[in-house]
PDB file of N, CA and C in Angstrom:
ATOM      1  N   MET A   1      97.506  85.092  88.873  1.00  0.00           N
ATOM      2  CA  MET A   1      98.181  86.118  89.072  1.00  0.00           C
ATOM      3  C   MET A   1      99.337  86.802  89.748  1.00  0.00           C
ATOM      4  N   ASN A   2     100.198  87.302  89.232  1.00  0.00           N
ATOM      5  CA  ASN A   2     101.710  87.499  90.103  1.00  0.00           C
ATOM      6  C   ASN A   2     101.470  88.570  91.050  1.00  0.00           C
ATOM      7  N   LYS A   3     102.656  88.539  92.015  1.00  0.00           N
ATOM      8  CA  LYS A   3     102.639  89.455  92.991  1.00  0.00           C
ATOM      9  C   LYS A   3     102.424  90.506  93.135  1.00  0.00           C
ATOM     10  N   PRO A   4     102.293  91.314  93.837  1.00  0.00           N
ATOM     11  CA  PRO A   4     102.274  93.019  93.641  1.00  0.00           C
ATOM     12  C   PRO A   4     104.005  93.275  93.346  1.00  0.00           C
ATOM     13  N   THR A   5     104.336  93.859  92.900  1.00  0.00           N
ATOM     14  CA  THR A   5     106.096  93.896  92.365  1.00  0.00           C
ATOM     15  C   THR A   5     106.427  95.832  92.934  1.00  0.00           C
ATOM     16  N   TYR A   6     105.131  96.659  93.312  1.00  0.00           N
ATOM     17  CA  TYR A   6     105.412  97.744  92.854  1.00  0.00           C
ATOM     18  C   TYR A   6     105.497  98.620  94.284  1.00  0.00           C
ATOM     19  N   VAL A   7     105.013  97.586  95.925  1.00  0.00           N
ATOM     20  CA  VAL A   7     105.333  98.290  97.014  1.00  0.00           C
ATOM     21  C   VAL A   7     106.229  98.863  97.481  1.00  0.00           C
ATOM     22  N   PRO A   8     107.680  99.052  97.331  1.00  0.00           N
ATOM     23  CA  PRO A   8     108.561  99.611  97.748  1.00  0.00           C
ATOM     24  C   PRO A   8     108.385 100.713  96.776  1.00  0.00           C
ATOM     25  N   GLU A   9     107.719 100.668  95.920  1.00  0.00           N
ATOM     26  CA  GLU A   9     107.599 102.216  94.393  1.00  0.00           C
ATOM     27  C   GLU A   9     106.347 103.189  95.459  1.00  0.00           C
ATOM     28  N   TYR A  10     105.668 102.320  95.762  1.00  0.00           N
ATOM     29  CA  TYR A  10     104.481 102.949  96.208  1.00  0.00           C
ATOM     30  C   TYR A  10     104.816 103.744  97.520  1.00  0.00           C
ATOM     31  N   GLY A  11     105.653 103.331  97.790  1.00  0.00           N
ATOM     32  CA  GLY A  11     105.651 104.265  99.604  1.00  0.00           C
ATOM     33  C   GLY A  11     107.126 105.317  98.779  1.00  0.00           C
ATOM     34  N   ALA A  12     107.703 104.934  98.503  1.00  0.00           N
ATOM     35  CA  ALA A  12     108.732 106.105  97.779  1.00  0.00           C
ATOM     36  C   ALA A  12     107.838 106.826  97.051  1.00  0.00           C
ATOM     37  N   ILE A  13     106.771 107.008  96.726  1.00  0.00           N
ATOM     38  CA  ILE A  13     105.746 107.729  95.902  1.00  0.00           C
ATOM     39  C   ILE A  13     104.991 108.595  96.483  1.00  0.00           C
ATOM     40  N   VAL A  14     104.192 107.804  97.652  1.00  0.00           N
ATOM     41  CA  VAL A  14     103.741 108.502  99.006  1.00  0.00           C
ATOM     42  C   VAL A  14     104.426 109.211  99.553  1.00  0.00           C
ATOM     43  N   GLU A  15     105.832 109.254 100.071  1.00  0.00           N
ATOM     44  CA  GLU A  15     106.807 109.952 100.469  1.00  0.00           C
ATOM     45  C   GLU A  15     106.483 111.263  99.544  1.00  0.00           C
ATOM     46  N   VAL A  16     106.500 111.289  98.184  1.00  0.00           N
ATOM     47  CA  VAL A  16     106.945 112.528  98.043  1.00  0.00           C
ATOM     48  C   VAL A  16     105.774 113.432  97.596  1.00  0.00           C
ATOM     49  N   LEU A  17     104.342 112.574  97.778  1.00  0.00           N
ATOM     50  CA  LEU A  17     103.144 113.132  97.934  1.00  0.00           C
ATOM     51  C   LEU A  17     103.232 114.054  99.181  1.00  0.00           C
ATOM     52  N   ASN A  18     103.235 113.365  99.981  1.00  0.00           N
ATOM     53  CA  ASN A  18     103.311 113.744 101.425  1.00  0.00           C
ATOM     54  C   ASN A  18     104.025 114.783 101.533  1.00  0.00           C
ATOM     55  N   LYS A  19     105.161 115.214 100.553  1.00  0.00           N
ATOM     56  CA  LYS A  19     106.095 116.559 100.952  1.00  0.00           C
ATOM     57  C   LYS A  19     105.122 117.864 100.156  1.00  0.00           C
ATOM     58  N   TYR A  20     104.474 117.543  99.083  1.00  0.00           N
ATOM     59  CA  TYR A  20     103.393 118.270  98.946  1.00  0.00           C
ATOM     60  C   TYR A  20     102.344 119.052  99.470  1.00  0.00           C
ATOM     61  N   ASN A  21     101.887 118.026 100.354  1.00  0.00           N
ATOM     62  CA  ASN A  21     100.072 117.522 101.485  1.00  0.00           C
ATOM     63  C   ASN A  21     101.123 118.814 102.813  1.00  0.00           C
ATOM     64  N   GLU A  22     102.295 118.213 103.236  1.00  0.00           N
ATOM     65  CA  GLU A  22     102.724 118.921 104.105  1.00  0.00           C
ATOM     66  C   GLU A  22     102.894 120.756 103.880  1.00  0.00           C
ATOM     67  N   GLY A  23     103.695 120.549 102.694  1.00  0.00           N
ATOM     68  CA  GLY A  23     103.964 121.848 102.367  1.00  0.00           C
ATOM     69  C   GLY A  23     103.058 123.075 102.233  1.00  0.00           C
ATOM     70  N   CYS A  24     101.482 122.316 101.745  1.00  0.00           N
ATOM     71  CA  CYS A  24     100.050 122.897 101.742  1.00  0.00           C
ATOM     72  C   CYS A  24      99.550 123.291 103.211  1.00  0.00           C
ATOM     73  N   LYS A  25     100.068 122.036 103.934  1.00  0.00           N
ATOM     74  CA  LYS A  25      99.631 122.456 105.125  1.00  0.00           C
ATOM     75  C   LYS A  25      99.888 123.273 106.116  1.00  0.00           C
ATOM     76  N   GLN A  26     101.619 123.306 106.162  1.00  0.00           N
ATOM     77  CA  GLN A  26     102.275 124.546 106.259  1.00  0.00           C
ATOM     78  C   GLN A  26     102.360 125.919 105.766  1.00  0.00           C
ATOM     79  N   ALA A  27     101.843 126.178 104.235  1.00  0.00           N
ATOM     80  CA  ALA A  27     101.915 127.633 103.952  1.00  0.00           C
ATOM     81  C   ALA A  27     103.538 127.544 103.494  1.00  0.00           C
ATOM     82  N   LYS A  28     104.433 126.813 103.251  1.00  0.00           N
ATOM     83  CA  LYS A  28     105.712 126.853 102.639  1.00  0.00           C
ATOM     84  C   LYS A  28     106.042 126.332 101.446  1.00  0.00           C
ATOM     85  N   SER A  29     106.324 126.751 100.712  1.00  0.00           N
ATOM     86  CA  SER A  29     106.448 126.151  99.269  1.00  0.00           C
ATOM     87  C   SER A  29     107.969 125.638  99.479  1.00  0.00           C
ATOM     88  N   SER A  30     108.881 126.107 100.602  1.00  0.00           N
ATOM     89  CA  SER A  30     110.272 125.306 100.866  1.00  0.00           C
ATOM     90  C   SER A  30     110.192 123.968 101.420  1.00  0.00           C
ATOM     91  N   ILE A  31     108.929 123.503 101.402  1.00  0.00           N
ATOM     92  CA  ILE A  31     109.002 121.934 102.216  1.00  0.00           C
ATOM     93  C   ILE A  31     108.321 121.011 100.679  1.00  0.00           C
ATOM     94  N   MET A  32     107.737 121.508 100.138  1.00  0.00           N
ATOM     95  CA  MET A  32     107.207 121.273  98.913  1.00  0.00           C
ATOM     96  C   MET A  32     108.013 120.859  97.543  1.00  0.00           C
ATOM     97  N   LYS A  33     109.001 121.946  97.123  1.00  0.00           N
ATOM     98  CA  LYS A  33     110.085 121.888  96.262  1.00  0.00           C
ATOM     99  C   LYS A  33     110.757 120.509  95.439  1.00  0.00           C
ATOM    100  N   PRO A  34     111.262 120.010  96.959  1.00  0.00           N
ATOM    101  CA  PRO A  34     111.999 118.836  96.564  1.00  0.00           C
ATOM    102  C   PRO A  34     111.543 118.093  95.749  1.00  0.00           C
ATOM    103  N   ALA A  35     109.724 117.841  96.043  1.00  0.00           N
ATOM    104  CA  ALA A  35     109.048 116.820  95.591  1.00  0.00           C
ATOM    105  C   ALA A  35     108.716 116.844  94.088  1.00  0.00           C
ATOM    106  N   PHE A  36     108.924 118.426  93.261  1.00  0.00           N
ATOM    107  CA  PHE A  36     108.934 118.537  92.061  1.00  0.00           C
ATOM    108  C   PHE A  36     110.358 118.858  91.455  1.00  0.00           C
ATOM    109  N   SER A  37     109.813 118.212  89.843  1.00  0.00           N
ATOM    110  CA  SER A  37     110.917 118.946  89.162  1.00  0.00           C
ATOM    111  C   SER A  37     111.078 120.408  88.870  1.00  0.00           C
ATOM    112  N   GLU A  38     112.030 120.697  88.973  1.00  0.00           N
ATOM    113  CA  GLU A  38     112.238 122.337  88.260  1.00  0.00           C
ATOM    114  C   GLU A  38     111.365 122.805  87.125  1.00  0.00           C
ATOM    115  N   GLN A  39     111.062 121.491  86.032  1.00  0.00           N
ATOM    116  CA  GLN A  39     110.582 121.752  84.920  1.00  0.00           C
ATOM    117  C   GLN A  39     109.116 121.408  85.027  1.00  0.00           C
ATOM    118  N   ALA A  40     108.919 121.331  86.136  1.00  0.00           N
ATOM    119  CA  ALA A  40     107.494 120.664  86.220  1.00  0.00           C
ATOM    120  C   ALA A  40     106.558 122.163  86.062  1.00  0.00           C
ATOM    121  N   THR A  41     105.035 121.632  85.791  1.00  0.00           N
ATOM    122  CA  THR A  41     103.899 122.164  84.878  1.00  0.00           C
ATOM    123  C   THR A  41     102.937 122.244  86.354  1.00  0.00           C
ATOM    124  N   ILE A  42     101.735 122.922  86.065  1.00  0.00           N
ATOM    125  CA  ILE A  42     100.732 123.166  86.794  1.00  0.00           C
ATOM    126  C   ILE A  42      99.826 123.638  85.951  1.00  0.00           C
ATOM    127  N   PHE A  43      98.776 123.300  85.923  1.00  0.00           N
ATOM    128  CA  PHE A  43      97.584 123.532  85.423  1.00  0.00           C
ATOM    129  C   PHE A  43      95.892 122.893  85.865  1.00  0.00           C
ATOM    130  N   GLY A  44      94.796 123.832  85.139  1.00  0.00           N
ATOM    131  CA  GLY A  44      93.702 123.899  85.570  1.00  0.00           C
ATOM    132  C   GLY A  44      92.968 124.372  85.162  1.00  0.00           C
ATOM    133  N   ALA A  45      91.581 124.361  85.372  1.00  0.00           N
ATOM    134  CA  ALA A  45      90.731 125.438  84.379  1.00  0.00           C
ATOM    135  C   ALA A  45      89.745 126.672  85.848  1.00  0.00           C
ATOM    136  N   GLY A  46      90.296 127.845  85.004  1.00  0.00           N
ATOM    137  CA  GLY A  46      89.881 129.114  85.206  1.00  0.00           C
ATOM    138  C   GLY A  46      88.454 129.183  85.652  1.00  0.00           C
ATOM    139  N   ALA A  47      88.424 130.324  86.676  1.00  0.00           N
ATOM    140  CA  ALA A  47      86.928 130.667  86.410  1.00  0.00           C
ATOM    141  C   ALA A  47      85.755 130.883  85.478  1.00  0.00           C
ATOM    142  N   ASP A  48      86.632 131.394  84.582  1.00  0.00           N
ATOM    143  CA  ASP A  48      85.903 131.407  83.050  1.00  0.00           C
ATOM    144  C   ASP A  48      86.373 130.182  82.520  1.00  0.00           C
ATOM    145  N   GLY A  49      86.541 129.013  82.790  1.00  0.00           N
ATOM    146  CA  GLY A  49      86.736 127.524  82.366  1.00  0.00           C
ATOM    147  C   GLY A  49      87.592 127.316  81.511  1.00  0.00           C
ATOM    148  N   LYS A  50      88.322 128.574  81.188  1.00  0.00           N
ATOM    149  CA  LYS A  50      89.851 128.321  80.139  1.00  0.00           C
ATOM    150  C   LYS A  50      91.140 128.077  81.097  1.00  0.00           C
ATOM    151  N   LEU A  51      91.617 127.204  80.090  1.00  0.00           N
ATOM    152  CA  LEU A  51      93.074 126.747  80.176  1.00  0.00           C
ATOM    153  C   LEU A  51      93.949 127.612  81.144  1.00  0.00           C
ATOM    154  N   THR A  52      94.389 127.447  82.634  1.00  0.00           N
ATOM    155  CA  THR A  52      95.724 128.413  83.051  1.00  0.00           C
ATOM    156  C   THR A  52      96.502 127.546  83.770  1.00  0.00           C
ATOM    157  N   GLY A  53      97.526 128.056  83.962  1.00  0.00           N
ATOM    158  CA  GLY A  53      98.625 127.548  84.770  1.00  0.00           C
ATOM    159  C   GLY A  53      99.912 127.805  83.736  1.00  0.00           C
ATOM    160  N   GLY A  54     101.008 127.006  84.031  1.00  0.00           N
ATOM    161  CA  GLY A  54     102.332 127.221  83.663  1.00  0.00           C
ATOM    162  C   GLY A  54     103.242 126.227  84.401  1.00  0.00           C
ATOM    163  N   ALA A  55     104.524 127.065  84.828  1.00  0.00           N
ATOM    164  CA  ALA A  55     105.902 126.797  85.585  1.00  0.00           C
ATOM    165  C   ALA A  55     105.022 126.519  86.778  1.00  0.00           C
ATOM    166  N   ILE A  56     105.569 125.534  87.433  1.00  0.00           N
ATOM    167  CA  ILE A  56     105.228 124.909  88.879  1.00  0.00           C
ATOM    168  C   ILE A  56     105.486 125.836  89.937  1.00  0.00           C
ATOM    169  N   GLN A  57     106.593 126.842  89.476  1.00  0.00           N
ATOM    170  CA  GLN A  57     106.814 128.053  90.246  1.00  0.00           C
ATOM    171  C   GLN A  57     105.851 128.957  90.553  1.00  0.00           C
ATOM    172  N   ASN A  58     104.800 128.957  89.728  1.00  0.00           N
ATOM    173  CA  ASN A  58     103.676 130.002  90.028  1.00  0.00           C
ATOM    174  C   ASN A  58     103.068 129.131  91.207  1.00  0.00           C
ATOM    175  N   LEU A  59     102.859 128.422  91.526  1.00  0.00           N
ATOM    176  CA  LEU A  59     102.416 127.162  92.699  1.00  0.00           C
ATOM    177  C   LEU A  59     102.911 127.549  94.259  1.00  0.00           C
ATOM    178  N   PHE A  60     104.383 127.637  93.935  1.00  0.00           N
ATOM    179  CA  PHE A  60     105.403 128.311  94.840  1.00  0.00           C
ATOM    180  C   PHE A  60     105.141 129.965  95.346  1.00  0.00           C
ATOM    181  N   ASP A  61     104.917 130.755  94.225  1.00  0.00           N
ATOM    182  CA  ASP A  61     104.470 131.673  94.289  1.00  0.00           C
ATOM    183  C   ASP A  61     103.316 132.100  94.939  1.00  0.00           C
ATOM    184  N   ASP A  62     102.409 131.329  94.893  1.00  0.00           N
ATOM    185  CA  ASP A  62     100.805 131.288  95.432  1.00  0.00           C
ATOM    186  C   ASP A  62     101.069 131.581  96.443  1.00  0.00           C
ATOM    187  N   ILE A  63     101.427 130.224  97.099  1.00  0.00           N
ATOM    188  CA  ILE A  63     101.954 129.801  98.728  1.00  0.00           C
ATOM    189  C   ILE A  63     102.151 130.988  99.187  1.00  0.00           C
ATOM    190  N   ASP A  64     103.163 131.406  98.714  1.00  0.00           N
ATOM    191  CA  ASP A  64     104.279 131.999  99.468  1.00  0.00           C
ATOM    192  C   ASP A  64     103.908 133.770  99.607  1.00  0.00           C
ATOM    193  N   SER A  65     102.954 133.730  98.679  1.00  0.00           N
ATOM    194  CA  SER A  65     102.319 135.119  98.826  1.00  0.00           C
ATOM    195  C   SER A  65     101.198 135.416  99.504  1.00  0.00           C
ATOM    196  N   GLY A  66     100.777 134.614 100.200  1.00  0.00           N
ATOM    197  CA  GLY A  66      99.413 134.458 101.016  1.00  0.00           C
ATOM    198  C   GLY A  66      98.756 133.566 101.008  1.00  0.00           C
ATOM    199  N   PHE A  67      98.964 132.216 100.660  1.00  0.00           N
ATOM    200  CA  PHE A  67      97.822 131.463 101.249  1.00  0.00           C
ATOM    201  C   PHE A  67      98.349 130.843 102.545  1.00  0.00           C
ATOM    202  N   ARG A  68      96.826 131.073 103.131  1.00  0.00           N
ATOM    203  CA  ARG A  68      96.478 130.317 104.586  1.00  0.00           C
ATOM    204  C   ARG A  68      95.445 129.342 104.457  1.00  0.00           C
ATOM    205  N   PRO A  69      95.786 128.369 104.544  1.00  0.00           N
ATOM    206  CA  PRO A  69      95.108 126.908 104.947  1.00  0.00           C
ATOM    207  C   PRO A  69      94.284 127.141 105.984  1.00  0.00           C
ATOM    208  N   SER A  70      93.382 126.564 106.273  1.00  0.00           N
ATOM    209  CA  SER A  70      92.101 125.912 107.038  1.00  0.00           C
ATOM    210  C   SER A  70      93.093 124.917 108.111  1.00  0.00           C
ATOM    211  N   PRO A  71      92.928 125.422 109.618  1.00  0.00           N
ATOM    212  CA  PRO A  71      93.769 124.331 110.345  1.00  0.00           C
ATOM    213  C   PRO A  71      92.839 123.196 110.212  1.00  0.00           C
ATOM    214  N   GLU A  72      91.596 123.316 110.107  1.00  0.00           N
ATOM    215  CA  GLU A  72      90.792 121.823 109.848  1.00  0.00           C
ATOM    216  C   GLU A  72      90.941 121.298 108.570  1.00  0.00           C
ATOM    217  N   GLY A  73      91.359 121.835 107.613  1.00  0.00           N
ATOM    218  CA  GLY A  73      91.955 121.330 106.269  1.00  0.00           C
ATOM    219  C   GLY A  73      92.475 119.988 106.255  1.00  0.00           C
ATOM    220  N   GLN A  74      91.682 118.918 105.362  1.00  0.00           N
ATOM    221  CA  GLN A  74      92.699 117.501 105.480  1.00  0.00           C
ATOM    222  C   GLN A  74      92.822 117.485 104.361  1.00  0.00           C
ATOM    223  N   ALA A  75      93.778 116.796 103.660  1.00  0.00           N
ATOM    224  CA  ALA A  75      94.200 115.923 102.813  1.00  0.00           C
ATOM    225  C   ALA A  75      94.351 114.551 102.896  1.00  0.00           C
ATOM    226  N   ALA A  76      94.208 113.905 101.290  1.00  0.00           N
ATOM    227  CA  ALA A  76      94.435 112.295 101.240  1.00  0.00           C
ATOM    228  C   ALA A  76      94.833 111.826 100.282  1.00  0.00           C
ATOM    229  N   ILE A  77      95.187 111.124  99.772  1.00  0.00           N
ATOM    230  CA  ILE A  77      95.934 110.630  98.904  1.00  0.00           C
ATOM    231  C   ILE A  77      94.750 109.272  98.375  1.00  0.00           C
ATOM    232  N   VAL A  78      94.246 109.603  97.443  1.00  0.00           N
ATOM    233  CA  VAL A  78      92.985 108.835  97.223  1.00  0.00           C
ATOM    234  C   VAL A  78      93.853 107.353  96.228  1.00  0.00           C
ATOM    235  N   ARG A  79      94.694 107.659  95.173  1.00  0.00           N
ATOM    236  CA  ARG A  79      94.951 106.618  94.171  1.00  0.00           C
ATOM    237  C   ARG A  79      96.140 107.080  94.028  1.00  0.00           C
ATOM    238  N   VAL A  80      97.011 105.555  93.617  1.00  0.00           N
ATOM    239  CA  VAL A  80      98.491 106.138  92.992  1.00  0.00           C
ATOM    240  C   VAL A  80      98.857 104.808  91.917  1.00  0.00           C
ATOM    241  N   ASP A  81      98.692 104.851  90.932  1.00  0.00           N
ATOM    242  CA  ASP A  81      98.865 103.760  89.697  1.00  0.00           C
ATOM    243  C   ASP A  81     100.202 104.072  89.132  1.00  0.00           C
ATOM    244  N   ILE A  82     101.377 102.668  88.813  1.00  0.00           N
ATOM    245  CA  ILE A  82     102.293 102.763  89.022  1.00  0.00           C
ATOM    246  C   ILE A  82     102.711 101.860  87.667  1.00  0.00           C
ATOM    247  N   VAL A  83     103.250 102.225  86.655  1.00  0.00           N
ATOM    248  CA  VAL A  83     103.710 101.318  85.583  1.00  0.00           C
ATOM    249  C   VAL A  83     105.419 101.875  85.301  1.00  0.00           C
ATOM    250  N   GLY A  84     105.790 100.864  85.440  1.00  0.00           N
ATOM    251  CA  GLY A  84     107.265 100.841  85.374  1.00  0.00           C
ATOM    252  C   GLY A  84     107.948 102.255  86.237  1.00  0.00           C
ATOM    253  N   THR A  85     108.356 103.204  85.501  1.00  0.00           N
ATOM    254  CA  THR A  85     108.848 104.351  85.720  1.00  0.00           C
ATOM    255  C   THR A  85     108.148 105.594  85.518  1.00  0.00           C
ATOM    256  N   ALA A  86     106.658 105.313  85.643  1.00  0.00           N
ATOM    257  CA  ALA A  86     105.981 106.191  85.175  1.00  0.00           C
ATOM    258  C   ALA A  86     104.789 105.897  86.372  1.00  0.00           C
ATOM    259  N   ALA A  87     104.970 107.270  87.241  1.00  0.00           N
ATOM    260  CA  ALA A  87     103.058 107.072  87.852  1.00  0.00           C
ATOM    261  C   ALA A  87     102.228 108.339  87.658  1.00  0.00           C
ATOM    262  N   SER A  88     100.887 107.949  88.168  1.00  0.00           N
ATOM    263  CA  SER A  88     100.199 108.682  88.344  1.00  0.00           C
ATOM    264  C   SER A  88      99.195 108.753  89.871  1.00  0.00           C
ATOM    265  N   ALA A  89      98.838 109.883  90.710  1.00  0.00           N
ATOM    266  CA  ALA A  89      98.186 109.870  91.893  1.00  0.00           C
ATOM    267  C   ALA A  89      97.052 110.784  91.738  1.00  0.00           C
ATOM    268  N   ARG A  90      95.774 110.721  92.851  1.00  0.00           N
ATOM    269  CA  ARG A  90      95.234 111.477  92.990  1.00  0.00           C
ATOM    270  C   ARG A  90      94.912 111.956  94.557  1.00  0.00           C
ATOM    271  N   ILE A  91      94.770 113.535  94.657  1.00  0.00           N
ATOM    272  CA  ILE A  91      95.058 113.741  96.084  1.00  0.00           C
ATOM    273  C   ILE A  91      93.736 114.615  96.029  1.00  0.00           C
ATOM    274  N   ASP A  92      92.322 114.370  97.282  1.00  0.00           N
ATOM    275  CA  ASP A  92      91.618 114.737  97.540  1.00  0.00           C
ATOM    276  C   ASP A  92      92.058 115.958  98.844  1.00  0.00           C
ATOM    277  N   THR A  93      91.554 117.320  98.310  1.00  0.00           N
ATOM    278  CA  THR A  93      92.035 118.624  99.762  1.00  0.00           C
ATOM    279  C   THR A  93      90.679 118.453  99.998  1.00  0.00           C
ATOM    280  N   ASN A  94      90.012 118.750 101.425  1.00  0.00           N
ATOM    281  CA  ASN A  94      88.728 119.340 101.807  1.00  0.00           C
ATOM    282  C   ASN A  94      89.255 120.414 102.666  1.00  0.00           C
ATOM    283  N   ASP A  95      88.310 121.429 102.385  1.00  0.00           N
ATOM    284  CA  ASP A  95      87.858 122.763 103.334  1.00  0.00           C
ATOM    285  C   ASP A  95      89.146 123.288 103.560  1.00  0.00           C
ATOM    286  N   VAL A  96      90.089 123.380 102.631  1.00  0.00           N
ATOM    287  CA  VAL A  96      90.829 124.685 102.714  1.00  0.00           C
ATOM    288  C   VAL A  96      90.533 126.392 102.512  1.00  0.00           C
ATOM    289  N   SER A  97      90.732 126.718 103.598  1.00  0.00           N
ATOM    290  CA  SER A  97      90.244 127.745 103.388  1.00  0.00           C
ATOM    291  C   SER A  97      89.116 128.177 102.634  1.00  0.00           C
ATOM    292  N   GLY A  98      87.928 127.539 102.534  1.00  0.00           N
ATOM    293  CA  GLY A  98      86.881 127.526 101.670  1.00  0.00           C
ATOM    294  C   GLY A  98      86.656 126.662 100.822  1.00  0.00           C
ATOM    295  N   PHE A  99      87.643 125.985 100.123  1.00  0.00           N
ATOM    296  CA  PHE A  99      87.544 125.680  98.696  1.00  0.00           C
ATOM    297  C   PHE A  99      88.392 123.770  98.975  1.00  0.00           C
ATOM    298  N   CYS A 100      87.811 123.169  98.076  1.00  0.00           N
ATOM    299  CA  CYS A 100      88.117 122.036  97.759  1.00  0.00           C
ATOM    300  C   CYS A 100      89.169 121.762  96.380  1.00  0.00           C
ATOM    301  N   PHE A 101      89.757 120.622  96.810  1.00  0.00           N
ATOM    302  CA  PHE A 101      90.626 120.583  95.438  1.00  0.00           C
ATOM    303  C   PHE A 101      90.709 118.932  95.291  1.00  0.00           C
ATOM    304  N   THR A 102      90.744 119.068  94.105  1.00  0.00           N
ATOM    305  CA  THR A 102      91.214 117.699  93.454  1.00  0.00           C
ATOM    306  C   THR A 102      92.227 117.689  92.804  1.00  0.00           C
ATOM    307  N   ASP A 103      93.431 117.426  92.667  1.00  0.00           N
ATOM    308  CA  ASP A 103      94.844 117.346  92.279  1.00  0.00           C
ATOM    309  C   ASP A 103      94.921 115.884  91.662  1.00  0.00           C
ATOM    310  N   PHE A 104      95.402 116.140  90.616  1.00  0.00           N
ATOM    311  CA  PHE A 104      96.352 114.916  89.729  1.00  0.00           C
ATOM    312  C   PHE A 104      97.539 115.415  89.771  1.00  0.00           C
ATOM    313  N   PHE A 105      98.509 113.916  90.086  1.00  0.00           N
ATOM    314  CA  PHE A 105      99.881 114.474  89.684  1.00  0.00           C
ATOM    315  C   PHE A 105     100.588 113.174  88.783  1.00  0.00           C
ATOM    316  N   ASN A 106     101.634 113.471  88.069  1.00  0.00           N
ATOM    317  CA  ASN A 106     102.152 112.812  86.989  1.00  0.00           C
ATOM    318  C   ASN A 106     103.752 112.780  87.501  1.00  0.00           C
ATOM    319  N   LEU A 107     104.145 111.638  87.646  1.00  0.00           N
ATOM    320  CA  LEU A 107     105.298 111.262  88.565  1.00  0.00           C
ATOM    321  C   LEU A 107     106.592 110.387  87.591  1.00  0.00           C
ATOM    322  N   LEU A 108     108.027 110.527  87.536  1.00  0.00           N
ATOM    323  CA  LEU A 108     108.824 109.937  86.609  1.00  0.00           C
ATOM    324  C   LEU A 108     109.531 109.597  87.624  1.00  0.00           C
ATOM    325  N   LYS A 109     110.350 108.266  87.615  1.00  0.00           N
ATOM    326  CA  LYS A 109     110.976 108.322  88.467  1.00  0.00           C
ATOM    327  C   LYS A 109     112.481 108.385  87.514  1.00  0.00           C
ATOM    328  N   ILE A 110     113.285 109.017  88.127  1.00  0.00           N
ATOM    329  CA  ILE A 110     114.672 109.765  87.216  1.00  0.00           C
ATOM    330  C   ILE A 110     115.774 109.305  88.306  1.00  0.00           C
ATOM    331  N   ASP A 111     116.684 108.714  87.973  1.00  0.00           N
ATOM    332  CA  ASP A 111     117.748 108.231  88.482  1.00  0.00           C
ATOM    333  C   ASP A 111     117.503 107.700  90.035  1.00  0.00           C
ATOM    334  N   GLY A 112     116.667 107.254  89.975  1.00  0.00           N
ATOM    335  CA  GLY A 112     116.576 106.254  91.144  1.00  0.00           C
ATOM    336  C   GLY A 112     115.549 106.809  91.765  1.00  0.00           C
ATOM    337  N   LYS A 113     114.711 107.991  91.644  1.00  0.00           N
ATOM    338  CA  LYS A 113     113.960 109.070  92.568  1.00  0.00           C
ATOM    339  C   LYS A 113     113.034 109.525  92.347  1.00  0.00           C
ATOM    340  N   TRP A 114     111.927 109.286  92.476  1.00  0.00           N
ATOM    341  CA  TRP A 114     110.495 109.950  92.476  1.00  0.00           C
ATOM    342  C   TRP A 114     110.040 111.479  92.287  1.00  0.00           C
ATOM    343  N   ILE A 115     109.995 111.992  91.201  1.00  0.00           N
ATOM    344  CA  ILE A 115     109.726 113.372  91.150  1.00  0.00           C
ATOM    345  C   ILE A 115     108.147 113.420  90.569  1.00  0.00           C
ATOM    346  N   ILE A 116     107.971 114.633  91.105  1.00  0.00           N
ATOM    347  CA  ILE A 116     106.418 115.154  90.286  1.00  0.00           C
ATOM    348  C   ILE A 116     106.984 116.069  89.339  1.00  0.00           C
ATOM    349  N   VAL A 117     106.101 115.850  88.015  1.00  0.00           N
ATOM    350  CA  VAL A 117     106.413 116.620  86.644  1.00  0.00           C
ATOM    351  C   VAL A 117     105.586 117.245  86.008  1.00  0.00           C
ATOM    352  N   ASN A 118     104.473 116.975  86.648  1.00  0.00           N
ATOM    353  CA  ASN A 118     103.259 117.437  86.058  1.00  0.00           C
ATOM    354  C   ASN A 118     101.752 117.699  87.393  1.00  0.00           C
ATOM    355  N   LYS A 119     101.069 119.079  87.266  1.00  0.00           N
ATOM    356  CA  LYS A 119     100.048 118.776  88.238  1.00  0.00           C
ATOM    357  C   LYS A 119      98.987 119.560  87.877  1.00  0.00           C
ATOM    358  N   ILE A 120      97.924 118.608  87.870  1.00  0.00           N
ATOM    359  CA  ILE A 120      96.607 119.341  87.145  1.00  0.00           C
ATOM    360  C   ILE A 120      95.429 119.030  88.443  1.00  0.00           C
ATOM    361  N   TYR A 121      94.598 120.235  88.418  1.00  0.00           N
ATOM    362  CA  TYR A 121      94.155 120.726  89.584  1.00  0.00           C
ATOM    363  C   TYR A 121      92.605 120.515  89.311  1.00  0.00           C
ATOM    364  N   HIS A 122      91.396 120.707  90.210  1.00  0.00           N
ATOM    365  CA  HIS A 122      90.342 121.015  90.120  1.00  0.00           C
ATOM    366  C   HIS A 122      90.112 121.682  91.193  1.00  0.00           C
ATOM    367  N   THR A 123      89.440 123.035  91.263  1.00  0.00           N
ATOM    368  CA  THR A 123      89.025 123.754  92.368  1.00  0.00           C
ATOM    369  C   THR A 123      87.736 123.920  92.548  1.00  0.00           C
ATOM    370  N   HIS A 124      86.985 123.605  93.723  1.00  0.00           N
ATOM    371  CA  HIS A 124      85.518 123.724  93.664  1.00  0.00           C
ATOM    372  C   HIS A 124      85.125 124.384  95.232  1.00  0.00           C
ATOM    373  N   SER A 125      84.100 125.323  95.631  1.00  0.00           N
ATOM    374  CA  SER A 125      84.146 125.679  96.901  1.00  0.00           C
ATOM    375  C   SER A 125      83.273 124.390  97.759  1.00  0.00           C
ATOM    376  N   SER A 126      83.672 124.648  98.870  1.00  0.00           N
ATOM    377  CA  SER A 126      83.274 123.661  99.670  1.00  0.00           C
ATOM    378  C   SER A 126      82.345 123.348 100.499  1.00  0.00           C
ATOM    379  N   THR A 127      81.306 124.113 100.216  1.00  0.00           N
ATOM    380  CA  THR A 127      79.878 124.106 100.609  1.00  0.00           C
ATOM    381  C   THR A 127      78.855 123.532  99.794  1.00  0.00           C
TER     382      THR A 127
END
């Protein structure tokens, strides 16, 4: 088996994902915006089970309009997969204002920099 070649890439991806986590923790989209492509999208299933989402700006608007995370909320990057200039990642977040999230991210390395191009989420009650 070959030696791992993605250690520096992994670190760079974790840095990007931590911007997202920190923006959620502080309820400031300005912290997380640099992690996302301006063309990024966000999708998930609504309460009715139907697809909901669109432009990543929707996430930023939600955060800026009143999202208030619980101080005891926690988030962890639980998986990162890298293939060349593409990557996927999963973040699990527990007890953020009564909810838990599982977020799946797709990232691309463009001009030497990793950036999130898509977020797919699943939200569930923390009880």
